[in-house]
Amino acid sequence: MCEECDELDQELIFVPENTSELPASPPSLIREEITQDNSEFEKINSGLDKLFSEVRDIHKVCQNFLAGHLRELETELDKYHDIDRGRAFDDVLENIARIYLDYEHLPDEIEDAKIKQRTQYFLLDILQVLESYGVHVQKSCLKEKRNLRFTQVEGYVETEDEALIDTVAESKRTGFYREKNAIIKEIVSLYIKKEG
């Protein structure tokens, strides 16, 4: 035999043919019985419960943080959508419309013809600015049906004429709207059926 074969023979471990001679498990794998009292297990269980509770609390904090952050992002996204729809200046346009409403009847109070005319031109300029941004005047004609979206009722006038019921009796304040949204609602009074 060669030298290599001799070395291999020496490294081989003898395994008996009769397996009953073998131990139940190798000595290195024999498990030692753990003889600990229940207090150790209770400590481990309470530690796990505490750890689970803390992880759950951290999870709640993270969820609340993410929910708040998502709300902020949605608010910011809504602003960008408003800009995209051309509605970024709605607040400014509403304030300009309110200035118009505050001075709408001023020309009627002025006696000087030149100042009266200039005031009327000033009010027309304000209307042109509003119209250039898509804001339109809402002014109902008498005896026409009320536009529910752009008007607000403030007062009633009794009538016996059936044809006039639920129509505009008076436009008390001009309104403004943009597309399908009222910026400032027109205030009107309506005809109602006279009782008796």
N, C-alpha and C. Protein backbone atom coordinates (compact mmCIF):
# COMPACT_ATOMS: atom_id res chain seq x y z
N MET A 1 0.83 -1.19 0.00
CA MET A 1 0.00 0.00 0.00
C MET A 1 0.86 1.24 0.00
N CYS A 2 0.28 2.30 -0.52
CA CYS A 2 1.01 3.56 -0.55
C CYS A 2 0.92 4.25 0.80
N GLU A 3 1.76 5.20 0.96
CA GLU A 3 1.81 5.94 2.22
C GLU A 3 0.52 6.71 2.47
N GLU A 4 -0.07 7.24 1.42
CA GLU A 4 -1.30 8.00 1.58
C GLU A 4 -2.42 7.12 2.10
N CYS A 5 -2.45 5.87 1.63
CA CYS A 5 -3.49 4.95 2.10
C CYS A 5 -3.30 4.64 3.56
N ASP A 6 -2.06 4.50 4.00
CA ASP A 6 -1.79 4.23 5.42
C ASP A 6 -2.29 5.39 6.29
N GLU A 7 -2.03 6.60 5.81
CA GLU A 7 -2.49 7.76 6.56
C GLU A 7 -4.02 7.80 6.66
N LEU A 8 -4.70 7.44 5.56
CA LEU A 8 -6.16 7.42 5.56
C LEU A 8 -6.67 6.38 6.53
N ASP A 9 -6.04 5.21 6.59
CA ASP A 9 -6.47 4.16 7.51
C ASP A 9 -6.36 4.61 8.95
N GLN A 10 -5.33 5.37 9.24
CA GLN A 10 -5.14 5.81 10.60
C GLN A 10 -6.19 6.85 11.00
N GLU A 11 -6.65 7.67 10.02
CA GLU A 11 -7.64 8.70 10.31
C GLU A 11 -9.05 8.14 10.45
N LEU A 12 -9.31 6.98 9.88
CA LEU A 12 -10.66 6.39 9.94
C LEU A 12 -10.99 6.01 11.37
N ILE A 13 -12.24 6.22 11.71
CA ILE A 13 -12.72 5.87 13.05
C ILE A 13 -13.47 4.55 12.95
N PHE A 14 -13.25 3.73 13.89
CA PHE A 14 -13.90 2.43 13.90
C PHE A 14 -15.35 2.58 14.33
N VAL A 15 -16.26 2.09 13.48
CA VAL A 15 -17.69 2.09 13.79
C VAL A 15 -18.11 0.65 13.94
N PRO A 16 -18.60 0.26 15.08
CA PRO A 16 -19.00 -1.15 15.27
C PRO A 16 -20.19 -1.49 14.39
N GLU A 17 -20.25 -2.76 14.00
CA GLU A 17 -21.35 -3.21 13.15
C GLU A 17 -22.65 -3.26 13.94
N ASN A 18 -22.59 -3.58 15.20
CA ASN A 18 -23.77 -3.67 16.03
C ASN A 18 -24.07 -2.28 16.60
N THR A 19 -25.16 -1.67 16.17
CA THR A 19 -25.48 -0.30 16.58
C THR A 19 -25.97 -0.22 18.01
N SER A 20 -26.28 -1.31 18.62
CA SER A 20 -26.73 -1.26 20.00
C SER A 20 -25.61 -0.83 20.93
N GLU A 21 -24.40 -0.95 20.47
CA GLU A 21 -23.27 -0.52 21.28
C GLU A 21 -23.12 1.00 21.28
N LEU A 22 -23.74 1.69 20.30
CA LEU A 22 -23.62 3.14 20.20
C LEU A 22 -24.43 3.82 21.30
N PRO A 23 -23.95 4.95 21.80
CA PRO A 23 -24.75 5.69 22.78
C PRO A 23 -25.97 6.31 22.11
N ALA A 24 -26.99 6.65 22.89
CA ALA A 24 -28.24 7.20 22.35
C ALA A 24 -28.01 8.48 21.57
N SER A 25 -27.11 9.32 22.00
CA SER A 25 -26.74 10.52 21.26
C SER A 25 -25.28 10.79 21.51
N PRO A 26 -24.67 11.49 20.58
CA PRO A 26 -23.25 11.77 20.80
C PRO A 26 -23.07 12.58 22.07
N PRO A 27 -21.96 12.41 22.76
CA PRO A 27 -21.77 13.10 24.02
C PRO A 27 -21.90 14.61 23.89
N SER A 28 -21.48 15.19 22.75
CA SER A 28 -21.54 16.64 22.60
C SER A 28 -22.98 17.14 22.42
N LEU A 29 -23.89 16.27 22.02
CA LEU A 29 -25.27 16.69 21.76
C LEU A 29 -26.22 16.35 22.90
N ILE A 30 -25.73 15.76 23.93
CA ILE A 30 -26.60 15.41 25.06
C ILE A 30 -27.06 16.70 25.72
N ARG A 31 -28.34 16.80 25.88
CA ARG A 31 -28.87 18.02 26.48
C ARG A 31 -28.92 17.87 27.98
N GLU A 32 -28.47 18.90 28.62
CA GLU A 32 -28.56 18.91 30.07
C GLU A 32 -29.91 19.48 30.46
N GLU A 33 -30.50 18.90 31.45
CA GLU A 33 -31.80 19.40 31.89
C GLU A 33 -31.60 20.73 32.61
N ILE A 34 -32.47 21.69 32.24
CA ILE A 34 -32.40 23.00 32.87
C ILE A 34 -33.24 22.95 34.12
N THR A 35 -32.60 23.22 35.21
CA THR A 35 -33.32 23.19 36.48
C THR A 35 -33.39 24.60 37.03
N GLN A 36 -34.20 25.38 36.39
CA GLN A 36 -34.41 26.75 36.86
C GLN A 36 -35.83 26.87 37.37
N ASP A 37 -36.02 27.68 38.37
CA ASP A 37 -37.37 27.85 38.87
C ASP A 37 -38.16 28.80 37.98
N ASN A 38 -39.44 28.86 38.21
CA ASN A 38 -40.34 29.65 37.36
C ASN A 38 -40.06 31.14 37.38
N SER A 39 -39.37 31.64 38.38
CA SER A 39 -39.11 33.08 38.44
C SER A 39 -38.27 33.56 37.26
N GLU A 40 -37.36 32.75 36.78
CA GLU A 40 -36.56 33.13 35.61
C GLU A 40 -37.46 33.27 34.37
N PHE A 41 -38.36 32.32 34.19
CA PHE A 41 -39.26 32.38 33.04
C PHE A 41 -40.20 33.59 33.15
N GLU A 42 -40.65 33.87 34.35
CA GLU A 42 -41.52 35.02 34.55
C GLU A 42 -40.78 36.32 34.24
N LYS A 43 -39.50 36.39 34.61
CA LYS A 43 -38.69 37.58 34.29
C LYS A 43 -38.58 37.74 32.77
N ILE A 44 -38.34 36.63 32.10
CA ILE A 44 -38.21 36.68 30.63
C ILE A 44 -39.54 37.12 30.01
N ASN A 45 -40.64 36.53 30.48
CA ASN A 45 -41.96 36.88 29.94
C ASN A 45 -42.30 38.34 30.20
N SER A 46 -42.03 38.84 31.40
CA SER A 46 -42.33 40.24 31.69
C SER A 46 -41.45 41.16 30.86
N GLY A 47 -40.20 40.75 30.65
CA GLY A 47 -39.31 41.55 29.78
C GLY A 47 -39.82 41.59 28.36
N LEU A 48 -40.31 40.46 27.87
CA LEU A 48 -40.87 40.42 26.51
C LEU A 48 -42.13 41.28 26.41
N ASP A 49 -42.98 41.21 27.44
CA ASP A 49 -44.19 42.05 27.44
C ASP A 49 -43.84 43.53 27.41
N LYS A 50 -42.85 43.91 28.22
CA LYS A 50 -42.42 45.31 28.25
C LYS A 50 -41.85 45.73 26.91
N LEU A 51 -41.04 44.87 26.32
CA LEU A 51 -40.44 45.16 25.01
C LEU A 51 -41.53 45.31 23.95
N PHE A 52 -42.51 44.40 23.96
CA PHE A 52 -43.61 44.46 23.00
C PHE A 52 -44.40 45.76 23.17
N SER A 53 -44.67 46.15 24.42
CA SER A 53 -45.40 47.38 24.70
C SER A 53 -44.65 48.60 24.17
N GLU A 54 -43.34 48.62 24.39
CA GLU A 54 -42.54 49.75 23.91
C GLU A 54 -42.50 49.80 22.39
N VAL A 55 -42.37 48.63 21.75
CA VAL A 55 -42.36 48.59 20.28
C VAL A 55 -43.71 49.07 19.74
N ARG A 56 -44.82 48.68 20.40
CA ARG A 56 -46.15 49.12 19.98
C ARG A 56 -46.28 50.64 20.12
N ASP A 57 -45.76 51.20 21.23
CA ASP A 57 -45.80 52.65 21.43
C ASP A 57 -45.00 53.38 20.35
N ILE A 58 -43.83 52.85 20.05
CA ILE A 58 -43.00 53.45 19.00
C ILE A 58 -43.72 53.38 17.66
N HIS A 59 -44.41 52.27 17.41
CA HIS A 59 -45.17 52.11 16.16
C HIS A 59 -46.28 53.16 16.07
N LYS A 60 -47.00 53.40 17.21
CA LYS A 60 -48.05 54.42 17.23
C LYS A 60 -47.49 55.81 16.95
N VAL A 61 -46.35 56.12 17.58
CA VAL A 61 -45.72 57.43 17.36
C VAL A 61 -45.36 57.60 15.89
N CYS A 62 -44.80 56.55 15.30
CA CYS A 62 -44.42 56.62 13.88
C CYS A 62 -45.65 56.80 12.99
N GLN A 63 -46.73 56.07 13.31
CA GLN A 63 -47.95 56.20 12.52
C GLN A 63 -48.53 57.61 12.63
N ASN A 64 -48.57 58.16 13.85
CA ASN A 64 -49.09 59.52 14.03
C ASN A 64 -48.23 60.54 13.29
N PHE A 65 -46.92 60.35 13.35
CA PHE A 65 -46.02 61.26 12.64
C PHE A 65 -46.28 61.19 11.14
N LEU A 66 -46.39 59.98 10.61
CA LEU A 66 -46.63 59.83 9.17
C LEU A 66 -47.99 60.39 8.77
N ALA A 67 -49.02 60.16 9.61
CA ALA A 67 -50.35 60.68 9.29
C ALA A 67 -50.33 62.21 9.27
N GLY A 68 -49.69 62.83 10.24
CA GLY A 68 -49.59 64.29 10.27
C GLY A 68 -48.81 64.82 9.07
N HIS A 69 -47.74 64.13 8.75
CA HIS A 69 -46.92 64.55 7.61
C HIS A 69 -47.71 64.42 6.31
N LEU A 70 -48.49 63.34 6.19
CA LEU A 70 -49.32 63.16 4.98
C LEU A 70 -50.38 64.25 4.87
N ARG A 71 -50.98 64.65 6.01
CA ARG A 71 -51.97 65.75 5.98
C ARG A 71 -51.32 67.04 5.49
N GLU A 72 -50.11 67.32 5.98
CA GLU A 72 -49.41 68.54 5.54
C GLU A 72 -49.13 68.47 4.04
N LEU A 73 -48.71 67.30 3.57
CA LEU A 73 -48.43 67.15 2.14
C LEU A 73 -49.69 67.31 1.30
N GLU A 74 -50.82 66.77 1.79
CA GLU A 74 -52.08 66.92 1.06
C GLU A 74 -52.51 68.37 0.99
N THR A 75 -52.32 69.11 2.10
CA THR A 75 -52.67 70.54 2.12
C THR A 75 -51.82 71.30 1.11
N GLU A 76 -50.53 70.99 1.09
CA GLU A 76 -49.63 71.66 0.15
C GLU A 76 -50.00 71.29 -1.29
N LEU A 77 -50.34 70.02 -1.50
CA LEU A 77 -50.73 69.58 -2.85
C LEU A 77 -52.01 70.27 -3.30
N ASP A 78 -52.95 70.47 -2.36
CA ASP A 78 -54.19 71.19 -2.70
C ASP A 78 -53.88 72.62 -3.15
N LYS A 79 -52.90 73.26 -2.50
CA LYS A 79 -52.51 74.62 -2.91
C LYS A 79 -51.99 74.61 -4.34
N TYR A 80 -51.17 73.60 -4.66
CA TYR A 80 -50.64 73.52 -6.02
C TYR A 80 -51.75 73.23 -7.03
N HIS A 81 -52.75 72.42 -6.62
CA HIS A 81 -53.89 72.17 -7.51
C HIS A 81 -54.67 73.46 -7.75
N ASP A 82 -54.84 74.26 -6.68
CA ASP A 82 -55.53 75.54 -6.84
C ASP A 82 -54.77 76.46 -7.80
N ILE A 83 -53.46 76.48 -7.67
CA ILE A 83 -52.64 77.29 -8.59
C ILE A 83 -52.83 76.79 -10.01
N ASP A 84 -52.81 75.46 -10.17
CA ASP A 84 -52.97 74.87 -11.49
C ASP A 84 -54.33 75.20 -12.08
N ARG A 85 -55.37 75.27 -11.25
CA ARG A 85 -56.71 75.61 -11.73
C ARG A 85 -56.92 77.11 -11.85
N GLY A 86 -55.91 77.87 -11.49
CA GLY A 86 -56.04 79.32 -11.58
C GLY A 86 -56.81 79.91 -10.42
N ARG A 87 -56.86 79.21 -9.29
CA ARG A 87 -57.65 79.70 -8.16
C ARG A 87 -56.76 80.22 -7.03
N ALA A 88 -55.49 80.42 -7.33
CA ALA A 88 -54.55 80.87 -6.30
C ALA A 88 -54.89 82.27 -5.81
N PHE A 89 -55.56 83.05 -6.64
CA PHE A 89 -55.84 84.45 -6.29
C PHE A 89 -57.28 84.68 -5.85
N ASP A 90 -57.99 83.61 -5.54
CA ASP A 90 -59.41 83.75 -5.15
C ASP A 90 -59.59 84.68 -3.96
N ASP A 91 -58.71 84.58 -2.97
CA ASP A 91 -58.83 85.45 -1.79
C ASP A 91 -58.63 86.92 -2.17
N VAL A 92 -57.65 87.17 -3.02
CA VAL A 92 -57.37 88.54 -3.47
C VAL A 92 -58.55 89.07 -4.28
N LEU A 93 -59.07 88.23 -5.17
CA LEU A 93 -60.20 88.64 -5.99
C LEU A 93 -61.44 88.91 -5.13
N GLU A 94 -61.63 88.11 -4.10
CA GLU A 94 -62.76 88.35 -3.20
C GLU A 94 -62.61 89.69 -2.49
N ASN A 95 -61.40 90.03 -2.08
CA ASN A 95 -61.18 91.32 -1.42
C ASN A 95 -61.41 92.49 -2.37
N ILE A 96 -60.99 92.33 -3.61
CA ILE A 96 -61.24 93.38 -4.61
C ILE A 96 -62.75 93.53 -4.85
N ALA A 97 -63.45 92.38 -4.92
CA ALA A 97 -64.91 92.43 -5.11
C ALA A 97 -65.59 93.11 -3.92
N ARG A 98 -65.07 92.90 -2.73
CA ARG A 98 -65.66 93.55 -1.54
C ARG A 98 -65.44 95.07 -1.59
N ILE A 99 -64.29 95.50 -2.11
CA ILE A 99 -64.05 96.94 -2.27
C ILE A 99 -65.09 97.53 -3.23
N TYR A 100 -65.34 96.79 -4.33
CA TYR A 100 -66.36 97.24 -5.28
C TYR A 100 -67.71 97.37 -4.58
N LEU A 101 -68.08 96.36 -3.78
CA LEU A 101 -69.39 96.38 -3.10
C LEU A 101 -69.48 97.53 -2.10
N ASP A 102 -68.36 97.84 -1.44
CA ASP A 102 -68.38 98.93 -0.46
C ASP A 102 -68.66 100.29 -1.11
N TYR A 103 -68.23 100.45 -2.37
CA TYR A 103 -68.36 101.76 -3.03
C TYR A 103 -69.30 101.72 -4.24
N GLU A 104 -70.04 100.65 -4.39
CA GLU A 104 -70.93 100.49 -5.54
C GLU A 104 -71.96 101.62 -5.63
N HIS A 105 -72.49 102.08 -4.53
CA HIS A 105 -73.54 103.11 -4.53
C HIS A 105 -72.99 104.52 -4.32
N LEU A 106 -71.69 104.64 -4.28
CA LEU A 106 -71.07 105.96 -4.07
C LEU A 106 -71.43 106.98 -5.16
N PRO A 107 -71.43 106.60 -6.45
CA PRO A 107 -71.79 107.59 -7.47
C PRO A 107 -73.18 108.20 -7.27
N ASP A 108 -74.10 107.44 -6.69
CA ASP A 108 -75.46 107.97 -6.46
C ASP A 108 -75.46 109.08 -5.41
N GLU A 109 -74.47 109.09 -4.55
CA GLU A 109 -74.41 110.07 -3.46
C GLU A 109 -73.63 111.34 -3.85
N ILE A 110 -72.93 111.29 -4.99
CA ILE A 110 -72.09 112.42 -5.40
C ILE A 110 -72.91 113.36 -6.30
N GLU A 111 -72.84 114.66 -6.01
CA GLU A 111 -73.59 115.65 -6.79
C GLU A 111 -72.76 116.23 -7.93
N ASP A 112 -71.47 116.40 -7.72
CA ASP A 112 -70.58 116.94 -8.75
C ASP A 112 -70.50 115.94 -9.91
N ALA A 113 -70.83 116.40 -11.12
CA ALA A 113 -70.91 115.52 -12.29
C ALA A 113 -69.56 114.90 -12.65
N LYS A 114 -68.45 115.70 -12.58
CA LYS A 114 -67.12 115.19 -12.93
C LYS A 114 -66.67 114.10 -11.94
N ILE A 115 -66.83 114.37 -10.67
CA ILE A 115 -66.40 113.41 -9.65
C ILE A 115 -67.27 112.15 -9.73
N LYS A 116 -68.54 112.34 -10.01
CA LYS A 116 -69.45 111.21 -10.16
C LYS A 116 -69.00 110.32 -11.31
N GLN A 117 -68.65 110.95 -12.44
CA GLN A 117 -68.22 110.20 -13.61
C GLN A 117 -66.90 109.47 -13.34
N ARG A 118 -65.96 110.13 -12.68
CA ARG A 118 -64.67 109.49 -12.34
C ARG A 118 -64.87 108.30 -11.41
N THR A 119 -65.77 108.46 -10.48
CA THR A 119 -66.05 107.36 -9.55
C THR A 119 -66.66 106.17 -10.31
N GLN A 120 -67.52 106.45 -11.25
CA GLN A 120 -68.11 105.37 -12.05
C GLN A 120 -67.02 104.67 -12.88
N TYR A 121 -66.09 105.45 -13.44
CA TYR A 121 -64.98 104.85 -14.20
C TYR A 121 -64.10 103.99 -13.30
N PHE A 122 -63.88 104.49 -12.08
CA PHE A 122 -63.08 103.72 -11.11
C PHE A 122 -63.73 102.37 -10.83
N LEU A 123 -65.04 102.38 -10.62
CA LEU A 123 -65.75 101.13 -10.35
C LEU A 123 -65.74 100.21 -11.58
N LEU A 124 -65.84 100.80 -12.76
CA LEU A 124 -65.75 99.98 -14.00
C LEU A 124 -64.38 99.36 -14.16
N ASP A 125 -63.33 100.09 -13.77
CA ASP A 125 -61.97 99.54 -13.81
C ASP A 125 -61.83 98.33 -12.89
N ILE A 126 -62.43 98.44 -11.71
CA ILE A 126 -62.40 97.32 -10.77
C ILE A 126 -63.10 96.10 -11.39
N LEU A 127 -64.26 96.34 -12.03
CA LEU A 127 -64.98 95.23 -12.67
C LEU A 127 -64.16 94.61 -13.79
N GLN A 128 -63.43 95.42 -14.55
CA GLN A 128 -62.60 94.90 -15.63
C GLN A 128 -61.46 94.03 -15.09
N VAL A 129 -60.87 94.44 -13.98
CA VAL A 129 -59.82 93.63 -13.36
C VAL A 129 -60.39 92.28 -12.94
N LEU A 130 -61.55 92.32 -12.31
CA LEU A 130 -62.18 91.08 -11.88
C LEU A 130 -62.52 90.19 -13.07
N GLU A 131 -63.07 90.78 -14.12
CA GLU A 131 -63.44 90.00 -15.30
C GLU A 131 -62.23 89.41 -16.01
N SER A 132 -61.09 90.10 -15.95
CA SER A 132 -59.88 89.57 -16.58
C SER A 132 -59.39 88.30 -15.89
N TYR A 133 -59.81 88.09 -14.64
CA TYR A 133 -59.48 86.87 -13.91
C TYR A 133 -60.66 85.89 -13.85
N GLY A 134 -61.65 86.13 -14.69
CA GLY A 134 -62.77 85.19 -14.80
C GLY A 134 -63.86 85.37 -13.77
N VAL A 135 -63.87 86.50 -13.08
CA VAL A 135 -64.90 86.78 -12.07
C VAL A 135 -66.01 87.58 -12.74
N HIS A 136 -67.25 87.12 -12.57
CA HIS A 136 -68.39 87.77 -13.21
C HIS A 136 -69.35 88.32 -12.16
N VAL A 137 -70.08 89.35 -12.56
CA VAL A 137 -71.06 89.98 -11.67
C VAL A 137 -72.32 89.13 -11.65
N GLN A 138 -72.88 88.95 -10.47
CA GLN A 138 -74.17 88.26 -10.31
C GLN A 138 -75.19 89.29 -9.83
N LYS A 139 -76.04 89.69 -10.76
CA LYS A 139 -77.07 90.68 -10.43
C LYS A 139 -78.38 90.18 -11.04
N SER A 140 -79.29 89.76 -10.20
CA SER A 140 -80.56 89.21 -10.67
C SER A 140 -81.49 90.32 -11.14
N CYS A 141 -82.24 90.00 -12.17
CA CYS A 141 -83.28 90.92 -12.62
C CYS A 141 -84.53 90.67 -11.79
N LEU A 142 -85.34 91.70 -11.68
CA LEU A 142 -86.59 91.55 -10.92
C LEU A 142 -87.52 90.57 -11.64
N LYS A 143 -88.25 89.83 -10.85
CA LYS A 143 -89.25 88.87 -11.32
C LYS A 143 -88.66 87.67 -12.05
N GLU A 144 -87.35 87.41 -11.89
CA GLU A 144 -86.77 86.21 -12.49
C GLU A 144 -86.54 85.17 -11.39
N LYS A 145 -86.41 83.92 -11.79
CA LYS A 145 -86.17 82.85 -10.82
C LYS A 145 -84.83 83.06 -10.14
N ARG A 146 -84.78 82.72 -8.89
CA ARG A 146 -83.56 82.88 -8.09
C ARG A 146 -82.53 81.82 -8.50
N ASN A 147 -81.28 82.24 -8.64
CA ASN A 147 -80.17 81.32 -8.88
C ASN A 147 -79.70 80.82 -7.52
N LEU A 148 -80.01 79.58 -7.20
CA LEU A 148 -79.73 79.03 -5.87
C LEU A 148 -78.25 79.02 -5.53
N ARG A 149 -77.41 78.79 -6.53
CA ARG A 149 -75.98 78.66 -6.27
C ARG A 149 -75.32 79.99 -5.93
N PHE A 150 -75.80 81.08 -6.54
CA PHE A 150 -75.11 82.36 -6.41
C PHE A 150 -75.85 83.41 -5.58
N THR A 151 -77.01 83.04 -5.02
CA THR A 151 -77.78 84.03 -4.26
C THR A 151 -78.09 83.55 -2.85
N GLN A 152 -78.34 84.53 -2.00
CA GLN A 152 -78.72 84.26 -0.61
C GLN A 152 -79.94 85.12 -0.31
N VAL A 153 -80.96 84.49 0.28
CA VAL A 153 -82.21 85.21 0.54
C VAL A 153 -82.12 85.94 1.87
N GLU A 154 -82.53 87.20 1.80
CA GLU A 154 -82.58 88.01 3.02
C GLU A 154 -83.83 88.87 2.93
N GLY A 155 -84.94 88.30 3.30
CA GLY A 155 -86.20 89.03 3.29
C GLY A 155 -87.18 88.52 2.24
N TYR A 156 -88.46 88.76 2.52
CA TYR A 156 -89.54 88.30 1.63
C TYR A 156 -90.55 89.42 1.43
N VAL A 157 -91.20 89.37 0.26
CA VAL A 157 -92.25 90.33 -0.07
C VAL A 157 -93.50 89.52 -0.40
N GLU A 158 -94.60 89.80 0.29
CA GLU A 158 -95.84 89.06 0.06
C GLU A 158 -96.51 89.55 -1.22
N THR A 159 -97.09 88.59 -1.96
CA THR A 159 -97.79 88.93 -3.20
C THR A 159 -98.97 87.97 -3.39
N GLU A 160 -99.98 88.46 -4.11
CA GLU A 160 -101.13 87.61 -4.45
C GLU A 160 -100.97 87.03 -5.85
N ASP A 161 -100.00 87.54 -6.62
CA ASP A 161 -99.77 87.08 -7.99
C ASP A 161 -99.02 85.75 -7.94
N GLU A 162 -99.68 84.69 -8.40
CA GLU A 162 -99.09 83.34 -8.38
C GLU A 162 -97.82 83.25 -9.24
N ALA A 163 -97.76 84.03 -10.31
CA ALA A 163 -96.61 83.97 -11.22
C ALA A 163 -95.34 84.52 -10.58
N LEU A 164 -95.48 85.38 -9.59
CA LEU A 164 -94.31 86.00 -8.96
C LEU A 164 -93.71 85.20 -7.81
N ILE A 165 -94.46 84.22 -7.31
CA ILE A 165 -93.99 83.47 -6.13
C ILE A 165 -92.64 82.80 -6.42
N ASP A 166 -91.71 82.96 -5.49
CA ASP A 166 -90.34 82.43 -5.55
C ASP A 166 -89.48 83.09 -6.63
N THR A 167 -89.87 84.29 -7.05
CA THR A 167 -89.00 85.05 -7.96
C THR A 167 -88.37 86.21 -7.17
N VAL A 168 -87.38 86.84 -7.78
CA VAL A 168 -86.63 87.91 -7.10
C VAL A 168 -87.49 89.17 -7.03
N ALA A 169 -87.65 89.67 -5.80
CA ALA A 169 -88.39 90.92 -5.60
C ALA A 169 -87.43 92.10 -5.63
N GLU A 170 -86.21 91.90 -5.12
CA GLU A 170 -85.22 92.98 -5.08
C GLU A 170 -83.81 92.38 -4.94
N SER A 171 -82.87 92.97 -5.67
CA SER A 171 -81.46 92.60 -5.50
C SER A 171 -80.86 93.62 -4.54
N LYS A 172 -80.54 93.16 -3.33
CA LYS A 172 -80.07 94.08 -2.29
C LYS A 172 -78.57 94.32 -2.34
N ARG A 173 -77.83 93.33 -2.82
CA ARG A 173 -76.37 93.50 -2.94
C ARG A 173 -75.88 92.65 -4.10
N THR A 174 -75.01 93.23 -4.89
CA THR A 174 -74.43 92.52 -6.03
C THR A 174 -73.58 91.35 -5.55
N GLY A 175 -73.56 90.29 -6.34
CA GLY A 175 -72.72 89.13 -6.04
C GLY A 175 -71.68 88.93 -7.12
N PHE A 176 -70.72 88.07 -6.84
CA PHE A 176 -69.67 87.74 -7.80
C PHE A 176 -69.45 86.23 -7.81
N TYR A 177 -69.21 85.69 -9.00
CA TYR A 177 -68.94 84.26 -9.10
C TYR A 177 -67.82 84.02 -10.11
N ARG A 178 -67.20 82.87 -9.95
CA ARG A 178 -66.13 82.45 -10.85
C ARG A 178 -66.39 81.01 -11.21
N GLU A 179 -66.52 80.73 -12.49
CA GLU A 179 -66.89 79.40 -12.98
C GLU A 179 -68.19 78.98 -12.30
N LYS A 180 -68.17 77.92 -11.49
CA LYS A 180 -69.41 77.46 -10.86
C LYS A 180 -69.43 77.76 -9.37
N ASN A 181 -68.52 78.60 -8.91
CA ASN A 181 -68.43 78.90 -7.48
C ASN A 181 -68.70 80.37 -7.21
N ALA A 182 -69.51 80.61 -6.17
CA ALA A 182 -69.79 81.98 -5.76
C ALA A 182 -68.62 82.49 -4.94
N ILE A 183 -68.10 83.65 -5.32
CA ILE A 183 -67.06 84.29 -4.51
C ILE A 183 -67.73 85.10 -3.41
N ILE A 184 -68.72 85.88 -3.79
CA ILE A 184 -69.58 86.60 -2.84
C ILE A 184 -71.01 86.41 -3.35
N LYS A 185 -71.88 85.88 -2.51
CA LYS A 185 -73.25 85.63 -2.94
C LYS A 185 -74.04 86.94 -3.02
N GLU A 186 -74.89 87.00 -4.03
CA GLU A 186 -75.82 88.13 -4.15
C GLU A 186 -76.90 87.99 -3.09
N ILE A 187 -77.27 89.09 -2.49
CA ILE A 187 -78.35 89.08 -1.50
C ILE A 187 -79.63 89.58 -2.17
N VAL A 188 -80.68 88.77 -2.07
CA VAL A 188 -81.94 89.10 -2.72
C VAL A 188 -83.09 88.92 -1.74
N SER A 189 -84.22 89.52 -2.08
CA SER A 189 -85.47 89.24 -1.37
C SER A 189 -86.39 88.57 -2.39
N LEU A 190 -87.26 87.69 -1.89
CA LEU A 190 -88.12 86.91 -2.78
C LEU A 190 -89.59 87.23 -2.52
N TYR A 191 -90.38 87.00 -3.57
CA TYR A 191 -91.82 87.11 -3.42
C TYR A 191 -92.34 85.79 -2.82
N ILE A 192 -93.24 85.91 -1.85
CA ILE A 192 -93.91 84.74 -1.30
C ILE A 192 -95.41 84.98 -1.34
N LYS A 193 -96.15 83.88 -1.21
CA LYS A 193 -97.62 83.97 -1.28
C LYS A 193 -98.17 84.68 -0.07
N LYS A 194 -99.04 85.62 -0.32
CA LYS A 194 -99.67 86.38 0.76
C LYS A 194 -100.65 85.50 1.51
N GLU A 195 -100.52 85.48 2.81
CA GLU A 195 -101.42 84.65 3.63
C GLU A 195 -102.75 85.37 3.83
N GLY A 196 -103.79 84.56 3.83
CA GLY A 196 -105.11 85.10 4.15
C GLY A 196 -105.96 85.22 3.00
